[in-house]
PDB file of all heavy atoms in Angstrom:
ATOM      1  N   GLY A   1    -104.524  20.570  21.641  1.00  0.00           N
ATOM      2  CA  GLY A   1    -104.239  20.799  20.235  1.00  0.00           C
ATOM      3  C   GLY A   1    -104.320  19.554  19.402  1.00  0.00           C
ATOM      4  O   GLY A   1    -104.227  19.611  18.168  1.00  0.00           O
ATOM      5  N   TYR A   2    -104.488  18.403  20.053  1.00  0.00           N
ATOM      6  CA  TYR A   2    -104.475  17.126  19.343  1.00  0.00           C
ATOM      7  C   TYR A   2    -105.825  16.427  19.361  1.00  0.00           C
ATOM      8  O   TYR A   2    -106.263  15.897  18.341  1.00  0.00           O
ATOM      9  CB  TYR A   2    -103.420  16.223  19.974  1.00  0.00           C
ATOM     10  CG  TYR A   2    -103.174  14.927  19.244  1.00  0.00           C
ATOM     11  CD1 TYR A   2    -102.621  14.923  17.967  1.00  0.00           C
ATOM     12  CD2 TYR A   2    -103.471  13.699  19.833  1.00  0.00           C
ATOM     13  CE1 TYR A   2    -102.378  13.735  17.292  1.00  0.00           C
ATOM     14  CE2 TYR A   2    -103.223  12.505  19.170  1.00  0.00           C
ATOM     15  CZ  TYR A   2    -102.677  12.539  17.900  1.00  0.00           C
ATOM     16  OH  TYR A   2    -102.434  11.360  17.234  1.00  0.00           O
ATOM     17  N   PHE A   3    -106.479  16.424  20.527  1.00  0.00           N
ATOM     18  CA  PHE A   3    -107.719  15.664  20.682  1.00  0.00           C
ATOM     19  C   PHE A   3    -108.872  16.562  21.091  1.00  0.00           C
ATOM     20  O   PHE A   3    -108.781  17.316  22.049  1.00  0.00           O
ATOM     21  CB  PHE A   3    -107.540  14.565  21.734  1.00  0.00           C
ATOM     22  CG  PHE A   3    -108.831  13.958  22.215  1.00  0.00           C
ATOM     23  CD1 PHE A   3    -109.605  13.195  21.352  1.00  0.00           C
ATOM     24  CD2 PHE A   3    -109.273  14.164  23.513  1.00  0.00           C
ATOM     25  CE1 PHE A   3    -110.797  12.639  21.780  1.00  0.00           C
ATOM     26  CE2 PHE A   3    -110.458  13.614  23.961  1.00  0.00           C
ATOM     27  CZ  PHE A   3    -111.225  12.842  23.079  1.00  0.00           C
ATOM     28  N   THR A   4    -109.970  16.456  20.349  1.00  0.00           N
ATOM     29  CA  THR A   4    -111.215  17.143  20.679  1.00  0.00           C
ATOM     30  C   THR A   4    -112.346  16.145  20.515  1.00  0.00           C
ATOM     31  O   THR A   4    -112.456  15.503  19.458  1.00  0.00           O
ATOM     32  CB  THR A   4    -111.467  18.343  19.757  1.00  0.00           C
ATOM     33  OG1 THR A   4    -110.354  19.245  19.849  1.00  0.00           O
ATOM     34  CG2 THR A   4    -112.745  19.069  20.155  1.00  0.00           C
ATOM     35  N   PRO A   5    -113.197  15.955  21.529  1.00  0.00           N
ATOM     36  CA  PRO A   5    -114.288  14.986  21.404  1.00  0.00           C
ATOM     37  C   PRO A   5    -115.348  15.452  20.416  1.00  0.00           C
ATOM     38  O   PRO A   5    -115.452  16.635  20.094  1.00  0.00           O
ATOM     39  CB  PRO A   5    -114.853  14.899  22.823  1.00  0.00           C
ATOM     40  CG  PRO A   5    -114.491  16.210  23.446  1.00  0.00           C
ATOM     41  CD  PRO A   5    -113.170  16.602  22.848  1.00  0.00           C
ATOM     42  N   TYR A   6    -116.134  14.505  19.932  1.00  0.00           N
ATOM     43  CA  TYR A   6    -117.249  14.841  19.052  1.00  0.00           C
ATOM     44  C   TYR A   6    -118.266  15.704  19.807  1.00  0.00           C
ATOM     45  O   TYR A   6    -118.499  15.498  20.999  1.00  0.00           O
ATOM     46  CB  TYR A   6    -117.957  13.577  18.579  1.00  0.00           C
ATOM     47  CG  TYR A   6    -117.160  12.708  17.640  1.00  0.00           C
ATOM     48  CD1 TYR A   6    -116.563  11.528  18.102  1.00  0.00           C
ATOM     49  CD2 TYR A   6    -117.019  13.031  16.302  1.00  0.00           C
ATOM     50  CE1 TYR A   6    -115.843  10.708  17.247  1.00  0.00           C
ATOM     51  CE2 TYR A   6    -116.303  12.212  15.434  1.00  0.00           C
ATOM     52  CZ  TYR A   6    -115.718  11.055  15.915  1.00  0.00           C
ATOM     53  OH  TYR A   6    -114.997  10.238  15.065  1.00  0.00           O
ATOM     54  N   PRO A   7    -118.898  16.667  19.132  1.00  0.00           N
ATOM     55  CA  PRO A   7    -119.946  17.452  19.809  1.00  0.00           C
ATOM     56  C   PRO A   7    -121.198  16.620  20.075  1.00  0.00           C
ATOM     57  O   PRO A   7    -121.905  16.841  21.061  1.00  0.00           O
ATOM     58  CB  PRO A   7    -120.221  18.597  18.827  1.00  0.00           C
ATOM     59  CG  PRO A   7    -119.775  18.072  17.497  1.00  0.00           C
ATOM     60  CD  PRO A   7    -118.626  17.148  17.771  1.00  0.00           C
ATOM     61  N   THR A   8    -121.509  15.681  19.176  1.00  0.00           N
ATOM     62  CA  THR A   8    -122.638  14.762  19.355  1.00  0.00           C
ATOM     63  C   THR A   8    -122.208  13.374  18.900  1.00  0.00           C
ATOM     64  O   THR A   8    -121.228  13.223  18.156  1.00  0.00           O
ATOM     65  CB  THR A   8    -123.871  15.195  18.547  1.00  0.00           C
ATOM     66  OG1 THR A   8    -123.525  15.226  17.146  1.00  0.00           O
ATOM     67  CG2 THR A   8    -124.360  16.564  18.981  1.00  0.00           C
ATOM     68  N   TYR A   9    -122.957  12.374  19.331  1.00  0.00           N
ATOM     69  CA  TYR A   9    -122.619  10.985  19.000  1.00  0.00           C
ATOM     70  C   TYR A   9    -123.813  10.313  18.317  1.00  0.00           C
ATOM     71  O   TYR A   9    -124.923  10.310  18.857  1.00  0.00           O
ATOM     72  CB  TYR A   9    -122.232  10.218  20.261  1.00  0.00           C
ATOM     73  CG  TYR A   9    -120.968  10.765  20.888  1.00  0.00           C
ATOM     74  CD1 TYR A   9    -121.023  11.725  21.899  1.00  0.00           C
ATOM     75  CD2 TYR A   9    -119.714  10.361  20.430  1.00  0.00           C
ATOM     76  CE1 TYR A   9    -119.862  12.244  22.449  1.00  0.00           C
ATOM     77  CE2 TYR A   9    -118.547  10.879  20.973  1.00  0.00           C
ATOM     78  CZ  TYR A   9    -118.627  11.822  21.976  1.00  0.00           C
ATOM     79  OH  TYR A   9    -117.482  12.346  22.510  1.00  0.00           O
ATOM     80  N   VAL A  10    -123.547   9.755  17.156  1.00  0.00           N
ATOM     81  CA  VAL A  10    -124.600   9.064  16.415  1.00  0.00           C
ATOM     82  C   VAL A  10    -124.542   7.553  16.643  1.00  0.00           C
ATOM     83  O   VAL A  10    -125.431   6.837  16.193  1.00  0.00           O
ATOM     84  CB  VAL A  10    -124.501   9.361  14.897  1.00  0.00           C
ATOM     85  CG1 VAL A  10    -124.698  10.847  14.622  1.00  0.00           C
ATOM     86  CG2 VAL A  10    -123.163   8.877  14.331  1.00  0.00           C
ATOM     87  N   SER A  11    -123.494   7.074  17.325  1.00  0.00           N
ATOM     88  CA  SER A  11    -123.388   5.640  17.583  1.00  0.00           C
ATOM     89  C   SER A  11    -122.539   5.400  18.823  1.00  0.00           C
ATOM     90  O   SER A  11    -121.685   6.228  19.178  1.00  0.00           O
ATOM     91  CB  SER A  11    -122.755   4.920  16.387  1.00  0.00           C
ATOM     92  OG  SER A  11    -121.381   5.261  16.281  1.00  0.00           O
ATOM     93  N   PRO A  12    -122.755   4.269  19.498  1.00  0.00           N
ATOM     94  CA  PRO A  12    -121.915   3.931  20.650  1.00  0.00           C
ATOM     95  C   PRO A  12    -120.443   3.776  20.290  1.00  0.00           C
ATOM     96  O   PRO A  12    -119.574   4.062  21.118  1.00  0.00           O
ATOM     97  CB  PRO A  12    -122.505   2.603  21.133  1.00  0.00           C
ATOM     98  CG  PRO A  12    -123.910   2.595  20.634  1.00  0.00           C
ATOM     99  CD  PRO A  12    -123.849   3.301  19.312  1.00  0.00           C
ATOM    100  N   SER A  13    -120.129   3.322  19.072  1.00  0.00           N
ATOM    101  CA  SER A  13    -118.725   3.123  18.705  1.00  0.00           C
ATOM    102  C   SER A  13    -117.968   4.442  18.698  1.00  0.00           C
ATOM    103  O   SER A  13    -116.792   4.499  19.076  1.00  0.00           O
ATOM    104  CB  SER A  13    -118.618   2.438  17.341  1.00  0.00           C
ATOM    105  OG  SER A  13    -119.206   3.217  16.323  1.00  0.00           O
ATOM    106  N   LEU A  14    -118.613   5.538  18.271  1.00  0.00           N
ATOM    107  CA  LEU A  14    -117.955   6.847  18.306  1.00  0.00           C
ATOM    108  C   LEU A  14    -117.772   7.315  19.746  1.00  0.00           C
ATOM    109  O   LEU A  14    -116.743   7.904  20.093  1.00  0.00           O
ATOM    110  CB  LEU A  14    -118.761   7.867  17.511  1.00  0.00           C
ATOM    111  CG  LEU A  14    -118.862   7.611  15.997  1.00  0.00           C
ATOM    112  CD1 LEU A  14    -119.750   8.669  15.341  1.00  0.00           C
ATOM    113  CD2 LEU A  14    -117.484   7.614  15.354  1.00  0.00           C
ATOM    114  N   TRP A  15    -118.767   7.076  20.584  1.00  0.00           N
ATOM    115  CA  TRP A  15    -118.664   7.413  22.008  1.00  0.00           C
ATOM    116  C   TRP A  15    -117.513   6.632  22.641  1.00  0.00           C
ATOM    117  O   TRP A  15    -116.693   7.181  23.390  1.00  0.00           O
ATOM    118  CB  TRP A  15    -119.978   7.080  22.698  1.00  0.00           C
ATOM    119  CG  TRP A  15    -120.116   7.529  24.122  1.00  0.00           C
ATOM    120  CD1 TRP A  15    -120.703   8.670  24.584  1.00  0.00           C
ATOM    121  CD2 TRP A  15    -119.666   6.821  25.308  1.00  0.00           C
ATOM    122  NE1 TRP A  15    -120.645   8.723  25.957  1.00  0.00           N
ATOM    123  CE2 TRP A  15    -120.022   7.607  26.425  1.00  0.00           C
ATOM    124  CE3 TRP A  15    -118.998   5.613  25.509  1.00  0.00           C
ATOM    125  CZ2 TRP A  15    -119.730   7.218  27.732  1.00  0.00           C
ATOM    126  CZ3 TRP A  15    -118.709   5.215  26.814  1.00  0.00           C
ATOM    127  CH2 TRP A  15    -119.077   6.013  27.904  1.00  0.00           C
ATOM    128  N   LEU A  16    -117.424   5.342  22.330  1.00  0.00           N
ATOM    129  CA  LEU A  16    -116.367   4.508  22.880  1.00  0.00           C
ATOM    130  C   LEU A  16    -114.991   4.919  22.349  1.00  0.00           C
ATOM    131  O   LEU A  16    -113.991   4.832  23.067  1.00  0.00           O
ATOM    132  CB  LEU A  16    -116.628   3.034  22.548  1.00  0.00           C
ATOM    133  CG  LEU A  16    -117.741   2.360  23.357  1.00  0.00           C
ATOM    134  CD1 LEU A  16    -118.112   1.023  22.721  1.00  0.00           C
ATOM    135  CD2 LEU A  16    -117.309   2.154  24.803  1.00  0.00           C
ATOM    136  N   ALA A  17    -114.933   5.371  21.092  1.00  0.00           N
ATOM    137  CA  ALA A  17    -113.660   5.826  20.531  1.00  0.00           C
ATOM    138  C   ALA A  17    -113.130   7.023  21.307  1.00  0.00           C
ATOM    139  O   ALA A  17    -111.944   7.085  21.653  1.00  0.00           O
ATOM    140  CB  ALA A  17    -113.825   6.174  19.055  1.00  0.00           C
ATOM    141  N   ASP A  18    -113.990   7.995  21.610  1.00  0.00           N
ATOM    142  CA  ASP A  18    -113.557   9.146  22.400  1.00  0.00           C
ATOM    143  C   ASP A  18    -113.208   8.745  23.820  1.00  0.00           C
ATOM    144  O   ASP A  18    -112.250   9.276  24.417  1.00  0.00           O
ATOM    145  CB  ASP A  18    -114.653  10.220  22.410  1.00  0.00           C
ATOM    146  CG  ASP A  18    -114.544  11.172  21.224  1.00  0.00           C
ATOM    147  OD1 ASP A  18    -113.566  11.061  20.464  1.00  0.00           O
ATOM    148  OD2 ASP A  18    -115.436  12.025  21.069  1.00  0.00           O
ATOM    149  N   PHE A  19    -113.965   7.812  24.398  1.00  0.00           N
ATOM    150  CA  PHE A  19    -113.645   7.315  25.736  1.00  0.00           C
ATOM    151  C   PHE A  19    -112.265   6.674  25.747  1.00  0.00           C
ATOM    152  O   PHE A  19    -111.462   6.896  26.658  1.00  0.00           O
ATOM    153  CB  PHE A  19    -114.705   6.303  26.178  1.00  0.00           C
ATOM    154  CG  PHE A  19    -114.444   5.690  27.532  1.00  0.00           C
ATOM    155  CD1 PHE A  19    -114.891   6.309  28.687  1.00  0.00           C
ATOM    156  CD2 PHE A  19    -113.754   4.485  27.654  1.00  0.00           C
ATOM    157  CE1 PHE A  19    -114.646   5.761  29.948  1.00  0.00           C
ATOM    158  CE2 PHE A  19    -113.501   3.923  28.894  1.00  0.00           C
ATOM    159  CZ  PHE A  19    -113.955   4.559  30.038  1.00  0.00           C
ATOM    160  N   LEU A  20    -111.966   5.887  24.715  1.00  0.00           N
ATOM    161  CA  LEU A  20    -110.674   5.216  24.604  1.00  0.00           C
ATOM    162  C   LEU A  20    -109.535   6.218  24.484  1.00  0.00           C
ATOM    163  O   LEU A  20    -108.534   6.126  25.208  1.00  0.00           O
ATOM    164  CB  LEU A  20    -110.683   4.285  23.387  1.00  0.00           C
ATOM    165  CG  LEU A  20    -109.334   3.725  22.934  1.00  0.00           C
ATOM    166  CD1 LEU A  20    -108.761   2.790  23.990  1.00  0.00           C
ATOM    167  CD2 LEU A  20    -109.488   3.009  21.591  1.00  0.00           C
ATOM    168  N   ILE A  21    -109.664   7.182  23.588  1.00  0.00           N
ATOM    169  CA  ILE A  21    -108.597   8.162  23.376  1.00  0.00           C
ATOM    170  C   ILE A  21    -108.372   8.979  24.642  1.00  0.00           C
ATOM    171  O   ILE A  21    -107.236   9.171  25.091  1.00  0.00           O
ATOM    172  CB  ILE A  21    -108.935   9.084  22.192  1.00  0.00           C
ATOM    173  CG1 ILE A  21    -109.035   8.271  20.893  1.00  0.00           C
ATOM    174  CG2 ILE A  21    -107.868  10.164  22.030  1.00  0.00           C
ATOM    175  CD1 ILE A  21    -109.636   9.057  19.733  1.00  0.00           C
ATOM    176  N   ALA A  22    -109.467   9.456  25.237  1.00  0.00           N
ATOM    177  CA  ALA A  22    -109.351  10.306  26.430  1.00  0.00           C
ATOM    178  C   ALA A  22    -108.742   9.542  27.600  1.00  0.00           C
ATOM    179  O   ALA A  22    -107.864  10.058  28.310  1.00  0.00           O
ATOM    180  CB  ALA A  22    -110.723  10.846  26.804  1.00  0.00           C
ATOM    181  N   SER A  23    -109.187   8.310  27.823  1.00  0.00           N
ATOM    182  CA  SER A  23    -108.653   7.515  28.933  1.00  0.00           C
ATOM    183  C   SER A  23    -107.166   7.256  28.753  1.00  0.00           C
ATOM    184  O   SER A  23    -106.387   7.296  29.713  1.00  0.00           O
ATOM    185  CB  SER A  23    -109.409   6.182  29.035  1.00  0.00           C
ATOM    186  OG  SER A  23    -110.772   6.387  29.313  1.00  0.00           O
ATOM    187  N   THR A  24    -106.756   7.010  27.511  1.00  0.00           N
ATOM    188  CA  THR A  24    -105.348   6.756  27.213  1.00  0.00           C
ATOM    189  C   THR A  24    -104.499   7.987  27.487  1.00  0.00           C
ATOM    190  O   THR A  24    -103.445   7.904  28.129  1.00  0.00           O
ATOM    191  CB  THR A  24    -105.195   6.332  25.743  1.00  0.00           C
ATOM    192  OG1 THR A  24    -105.933   5.123  25.520  1.00  0.00           O
ATOM    193  CG2 THR A  24    -103.726   6.112  25.381  1.00  0.00           C
ATOM    194  N   LEU A  25    -104.947   9.143  27.023  1.00  0.00           N
ATOM    195  CA  LEU A  25    -104.187  10.374  27.203  1.00  0.00           C
ATOM    196  C   LEU A  25    -104.141  10.786  28.672  1.00  0.00           C
ATOM    197  O   LEU A  25    -103.091  11.217  29.175  1.00  0.00           O
ATOM    198  CB  LEU A  25    -104.787  11.494  26.357  1.00  0.00           C
ATOM    199  CG  LEU A  25    -104.739  11.284  24.833  1.00  0.00           C
ATOM    200  CD1 LEU A  25    -105.420  12.443  24.118  1.00  0.00           C
ATOM    201  CD2 LEU A  25    -103.303  11.119  24.349  1.00  0.00           C
ATOM    202  N   GLU A  26    -105.263  10.660  29.374  1.00  0.00           N
ATOM    203  CA  GLU A  26    -105.280  11.056  30.786  1.00  0.00           C
ATOM    204  C   GLU A  26    -104.350  10.176  31.619  1.00  0.00           C
ATOM    205  O   GLU A  26    -103.589  10.668  32.453  1.00  0.00           O
ATOM    206  CB  GLU A  26    -106.698  10.974  31.347  1.00  0.00           C
ATOM    207  CG  GLU A  26    -106.772  11.403  32.808  1.00  0.00           C
ATOM    208  CD  GLU A  26    -108.187  11.438  33.345  1.00  0.00           C
ATOM    209  OE1 GLU A  26    -109.070  10.791  32.752  1.00  0.00           O
ATOM    210  OE2 GLU A  26    -108.410  12.122  34.362  1.00  0.00           O
ATOM    211  N   ALA A  27    -104.395   8.858  31.394  1.00  0.00           N
ATOM    212  CA  ALA A  27    -103.538   7.957  32.156  1.00  0.00           C
ATOM    213  C   ALA A  27    -102.066   8.260  31.894  1.00  0.00           C
ATOM    214  O   ALA A  27    -101.242   8.250  32.817  1.00  0.00           O
ATOM    215  CB  ALA A  27    -103.848   6.509  31.797  1.00  0.00           C
ATOM    216  N   ALA A  28    -101.715   8.547  30.637  1.00  0.00           N
ATOM    217  CA  ALA A  28    -100.330   8.862  30.306  1.00  0.00           C
ATOM    218  C   ALA A  28     -99.899  10.174  30.953  1.00  0.00           C
ATOM    219  O   ALA A  28     -98.779  10.297  31.462  1.00  0.00           O
ATOM    220  CB  ALA A  28    -100.164   8.946  28.787  1.00  0.00           C
ATOM    221  N   PHE A  29    -100.787  11.167  30.962  1.00  0.00           N
ATOM    222  CA  PHE A  29    -100.469  12.459  31.562  1.00  0.00           C
ATOM    223  C   PHE A  29    -100.212  12.316  33.056  1.00  0.00           C
ATOM    224  O   PHE A  29     -99.219  12.821  33.587  1.00  0.00           O
ATOM    225  CB  PHE A  29    -101.620  13.438  31.315  1.00  0.00           C
ATOM    226  CG  PHE A  29    -101.409  14.797  31.940  1.00  0.00           C
ATOM    227  CD1 PHE A  29    -100.740  15.793  31.255  1.00  0.00           C
ATOM    228  CD2 PHE A  29    -101.888  15.082  33.210  1.00  0.00           C
ATOM    229  CE1 PHE A  29    -100.541  17.042  31.818  1.00  0.00           C
ATOM    230  CE2 PHE A  29    -101.693  16.332  33.791  1.00  0.00           C
ATOM    231  CZ  PHE A  29    -101.024  17.317  33.083  1.00  0.00           C
ATOM    232  N   VAL A  30    -101.103  11.599  33.748  1.00  0.00           N
ATOM    233  CA  VAL A  30    -100.966  11.450  35.189  1.00  0.00           C
ATOM    234  C   VAL A  30     -99.718  10.639  35.529  1.00  0.00           C
ATOM    235  O   VAL A  30     -99.019  10.927  36.500  1.00  0.00           O
ATOM    236  CB  VAL A  30    -102.219  10.795  35.787  1.00  0.00           C
ATOM    237  CG1 VAL A  30    -102.028  10.499  37.268  1.00  0.00           C
ATOM    238  CG2 VAL A  30    -103.433  11.709  35.594  1.00  0.00           C
ATOM    239  N   ALA A  31     -99.409   9.613  34.705  1.00  0.00           N
ATOM    240  CA  ALA A  31     -98.232   8.780  34.963  1.00  0.00           C
ATOM    241  C   ALA A  31     -96.947   9.590  34.899  1.00  0.00           C
ATOM    242  O   ALA A  31     -95.968   9.276  35.573  1.00  0.00           O
ATOM    243  CB  ALA A  31     -98.174   7.632  33.959  1.00  0.00           C
ATOM    244  N   GLN A  32     -96.937  10.652  34.097  1.00  0.00           N
ATOM    245  CA  GLN A  32     -95.729  11.449  33.924  1.00  0.00           C
ATOM    246  C   GLN A  32     -95.700  12.669  34.838  1.00  0.00           C
ATOM    247  O   GLN A  32     -94.721  13.409  34.841  1.00  0.00           O
ATOM    248  CB  GLN A  32     -95.614  11.899  32.465  1.00  0.00           C
ATOM    249  CG  GLN A  32     -95.441  10.741  31.495  1.00  0.00           C
ATOM    250  CD  GLN A  32     -95.492  11.181  30.053  1.00  0.00           C
ATOM    251  OE1 GLN A  32     -95.031  12.251  29.700  1.00  0.00           O
ATOM    252  NE2 GLN A  32     -96.067  10.347  29.205  1.00  0.00           N
ATOM    253  N   ASN A  33     -96.764  12.898  35.597  1.00  0.00           N
ATOM    254  CA  ASN A  33     -96.822  14.039  36.499  1.00  0.00           C
ATOM    255  C   ASN A  33     -97.087  13.564  37.913  1.00  0.00           C
ATOM    256  O   ASN A  33     -97.421  12.402  38.155  1.00  0.00           O
ATOM    257  CB  ASN A  33     -97.917  15.021  36.049  1.00  0.00           C
ATOM    258  CG  ASN A  33     -97.566  15.707  34.747  1.00  0.00           C
ATOM    259  OD1 ASN A  33     -96.896  16.725  34.734  1.00  0.00           O
ATOM    260  ND2 ASN A  33     -98.009  15.138  33.628  1.00  0.00           N
ATOM    261  N   VAL A  34     -96.957  14.451  38.852  1.00  0.00           N
ATOM    262  CA  VAL A  34     -97.127  14.080  40.255  1.00  0.00           C
ATOM    263  C   VAL A  34     -98.543  13.609  40.528  1.00  0.00           C
ATOM    264  O   VAL A  34     -98.767  12.646  41.238  1.00  0.00           O
ATOM    265  CB  VAL A  34     -96.777  15.276  41.165  1.00  0.00           C
ATOM    266  CG1 VAL A  34     -97.068  14.935  42.614  1.00  0.00           C
ATOM    267  CG2 VAL A  34     -95.311  15.650  40.993  1.00  0.00           C
ATOM    268  N   SER A  35     -99.533  14.278  39.965  1.00  0.00           N
ATOM    269  CA  SER A  35    -100.920  13.918  40.197  1.00  0.00           C
ATOM    270  C   SER A  35    -101.780  14.488  39.093  1.00  0.00           C
ATOM    271  O   SER A  35    -101.310  15.206  38.221  1.00  0.00           O
ATOM    272  CB  SER A  35    -101.409  14.473  41.549  1.00  0.00           C
ATOM    273  OG  SER A  35    -101.525  15.886  41.472  1.00  0.00           O
ATOM    274  N   SER A  36    -103.067  14.156  39.135  1.00  0.00           N
ATOM    275  CA  SER A  36    -103.990  14.679  38.134  1.00  0.00           C
ATOM    276  C   SER A  36    -104.213  16.174  38.318  1.00  0.00           C
ATOM    277  O   SER A  36    -104.831  16.821  37.485  1.00  0.00           O
ATOM    278  CB  SER A  36    -105.336  13.943  38.214  1.00  0.00           C
ATOM    279  OG  SER A  36    -105.887  14.074  39.514  1.00  0.00           O
ATOM    280  N   ALA A  37    -103.733  16.743  39.429  1.00  0.00           N
ATOM    281  CA  ALA A  37    -103.874  18.173  39.686  1.00  0.00           C
ATOM    282  C   ALA A  37    -102.622  18.944  39.307  1.00  0.00           C
ATOM    283  O   ALA A  37    -102.406  20.058  39.751  1.00  0.00           O
ATOM    284  CB  ALA A  37    -104.202  18.409  41.158  1.00  0.00           C
ATOM    285  N   ALA A  38    -101.757  18.336  38.493  1.00  0.00           N
ATOM    286  CA  ALA A  38    -100.536  19.025  38.060  1.00  0.00           C
ATOM    287  C   ALA A  38    -100.889  20.296  37.298  1.00  0.00           C
ATOM    288  O   ALA A  38    -101.957  20.394  36.709  1.00  0.00           O
ATOM    289  CB  ALA A  38     -99.704  18.103  37.178  1.00  0.00           C
TER     290      ALA A  38
END
């Protein structure tokens, strides 16, 4: 409900922005749960 990646990328900076947001959220989720398969 908070984060949705771009459907297409017109520049590497937009691609990197989604990579940054997704990596941050995934790491936080896994840190608070038993595993990535929670």
